[in-house]
C-alpha atoms as a PDB file:
ATOM      1  CA  UNK A   1     166.393  -5.091  49.172  1.00  0.00           C
ATOM      2  CA  UNK A   2     164.089  -3.764  51.903  1.00  0.00           C
ATOM      3  CA  UNK A   3     162.045  -0.624  51.748  1.00  0.00           C
ATOM      4  CA  UNK A   4     163.823   2.629  52.465  1.00  0.00           C
ATOM      5  CA  UNK A   5     161.914   3.848  55.562  1.00  0.00           C
ATOM      6  CA  UNK A   6     161.635   7.579  55.985  1.00  0.00           C
ATOM      7  CA  UNK A   7     161.496   9.319  59.353  1.00  0.00           C
ATOM      8  CA  UNK A   8     158.350  10.801  60.865  1.00  0.00           C
ATOM      9  CA  UNK A   9     159.929  14.220  60.280  1.00  0.00           C
ATOM     10  CA  UNK A  10     159.845  13.592  56.520  1.00  0.00           C
ATOM     11  CA  UNK A  11     156.113  12.795  56.608  1.00  0.00           C
ATOM     12  CA  UNK A  12     155.303  15.747  58.837  1.00  0.00           C
ATOM     13  CA  UNK A  13     157.086  18.003  56.349  1.00  0.00           C
ATOM     14  CA  UNK A  14     154.929  16.538  53.550  1.00  0.00           C
ATOM     15  CA  UNK A  15     151.802  17.213  55.621  1.00  0.00           C
ATOM     16  CA  UNK A  16     152.928  20.824  56.073  1.00  0.00           C
ATOM     17  CA  UNK A  17     153.445  21.117  52.307  1.00  0.00           C
ATOM     18  CA  UNK A  18     149.929  19.760  51.661  1.00  0.00           C
ATOM     19  CA  UNK A  19     148.511  22.202  54.188  1.00  0.00           C
ATOM     20  CA  UNK A  20     150.343  25.116  52.581  1.00  0.00           C
ATOM     21  CA  UNK A  21     149.033  24.242  49.112  1.00  0.00           C
ATOM     22  CA  UNK A  22     145.463  24.077  50.369  1.00  0.00           C
ATOM     23  CA  UNK A  23     145.830  27.139  52.594  1.00  0.00           C
ATOM     24  CA  UNK A  24     147.086  29.307  49.711  1.00  0.00           C
ATOM     25  CA  UNK A  25     144.529  28.000  47.222  1.00  0.00           C
ATOM     26  CA  UNK A  26     141.838  30.330  45.895  1.00  0.00           C
ATOM     27  CA  UNK A  27     139.416  27.409  45.636  1.00  0.00           C
ATOM     28  CA  UNK A  28     139.180  26.545  49.347  1.00  0.00           C
ATOM     29  CA  UNK A  29     138.795  30.002  50.925  1.00  0.00           C
ATOM     30  CA  UNK A  30     135.929  29.164  53.282  1.00  0.00           C
ATOM     31  CA  UNK A  31     136.246  25.375  53.374  1.00  0.00           C
ATOM     32  CA  UNK A  32     136.893  23.075  56.291  1.00  0.00           C
ATOM     33  CA  UNK A  33     139.154  20.289  55.127  1.00  0.00           C
ATOM     34  CA  UNK A  34     139.998  17.083  56.956  1.00  0.00           C
ATOM     35  CA  UNK A  35     142.145  14.200  55.783  1.00  0.00           C
ATOM     36  CA  UNK A  36     141.116  10.861  57.295  1.00  0.00           C
ATOM     37  CA  UNK A  37     143.794   8.205  57.502  1.00  0.00           C
ATOM     38  CA  UNK A  38     142.774   4.669  58.482  1.00  0.00           C
ATOM     39  CA  UNK A  39     145.747   2.566  59.464  1.00  0.00           C
ATOM     40  CA  UNK A  40     146.605  -0.773  61.024  1.00  0.00           C
ATOM     41  CA  UNK A  41     147.076  -1.011  64.773  1.00  0.00           C
ATOM     42  CA  UNK A  42     150.794  -1.685  64.256  1.00  0.00           C
ATOM     43  CA  UNK A  43     151.286   1.394  62.047  1.00  0.00           C
ATOM     44  CA  UNK A  44     149.181   3.498  64.419  1.00  0.00           C
ATOM     45  CA  UNK A  45     151.266   2.433  67.443  1.00  0.00           C
ATOM     46  CA  UNK A  46     154.465   3.196  65.556  1.00  0.00           C
ATOM     47  CA  UNK A  47     153.158   6.640  64.637  1.00  0.00           C
ATOM     48  CA  UNK A  48     152.116   7.378  68.231  1.00  0.00           C
ATOM     49  CA  UNK A  49     155.536   6.412  69.524  1.00  0.00           C
ATOM     50  CA  UNK A  50     156.908   9.537  67.821  1.00  0.00           C
ATOM     51  CA  UNK A  51     154.807  11.901  69.929  1.00  0.00           C
ATOM     52  CA  UNK A  52     155.052  12.661  73.641  1.00  0.00           C
ATOM     53  CA  UNK A  53     151.797  14.196  74.817  1.00  0.00           C
ATOM     54  CA  UNK A  54     149.187  11.874  73.315  1.00  0.00           C
ATOM     55  CA  UNK A  55     146.800   9.584  75.151  1.00  0.00           C
ATOM     56  CA  UNK A  56     148.042   6.268  73.812  1.00  0.00           C
ATOM     57  CA  UNK A  57     144.862   4.418  74.814  1.00  0.00           C
ATOM     58  CA  UNK A  58     142.699   6.188  72.258  1.00  0.00           C
ATOM     59  CA  UNK A  59     142.062   4.736  68.830  1.00  0.00           C
ATOM     60  CA  UNK A  60     142.309   8.080  67.049  1.00  0.00           C
ATOM     61  CA  UNK A  61     144.142  11.390  67.158  1.00  0.00           C
ATOM     62  CA  UNK A  62     144.404  14.534  65.048  1.00  0.00           C
ATOM     63  CA  UNK A  63     147.301  16.636  63.867  1.00  0.00           C
ATOM     64  CA  UNK A  64     146.194  20.122  62.864  1.00  0.00           C
ATOM     65  CA  UNK A  65     148.411  22.164  60.564  1.00  0.00           C
ATOM     66  CA  UNK A  66     147.100  25.610  59.696  1.00  0.00           C
ATOM     67  CA  UNK A  67     143.391  24.862  59.213  1.00  0.00           C
ATOM     68  CA  UNK A  68     143.884  21.372  57.796  1.00  0.00           C
ATOM     69  CA  UNK A  69     143.178  18.424  60.093  1.00  0.00           C
ATOM     70  CA  UNK A  70     144.855  15.056  59.618  1.00  0.00           C
ATOM     71  CA  UNK A  71     142.765  12.473  61.497  1.00  0.00           C
ATOM     72  CA  UNK A  72     144.463   9.155  62.239  1.00  0.00           C
ATOM     73  CA  UNK A  73     142.377   6.156  63.268  1.00  0.00           C
ATOM     74  CA  UNK A  74     142.867   2.407  63.637  1.00  0.00           C
ATOM     75  CA  UNK A  75     140.835   0.577  61.038  1.00  0.00           C
ATOM     76  CA  UNK A  76     138.614  -2.241  62.270  1.00  0.00           C
END
């Protein structure tokens, strides 16, 4: 059996949940938090294909939810 692939919507919802947990936490009141995700070129291209207004020639992009930044970059 192959892997059950989830849609990009599912993962964006999980990112929102992570952001909400951190945003409502008493521990990180004044913090700047960034999540760095290094991915393969294939995975990165697949991820980019789900978004319209992104410069597809760059090797990194950021999704910001509340004050939490998710930085995506192709690993070398």
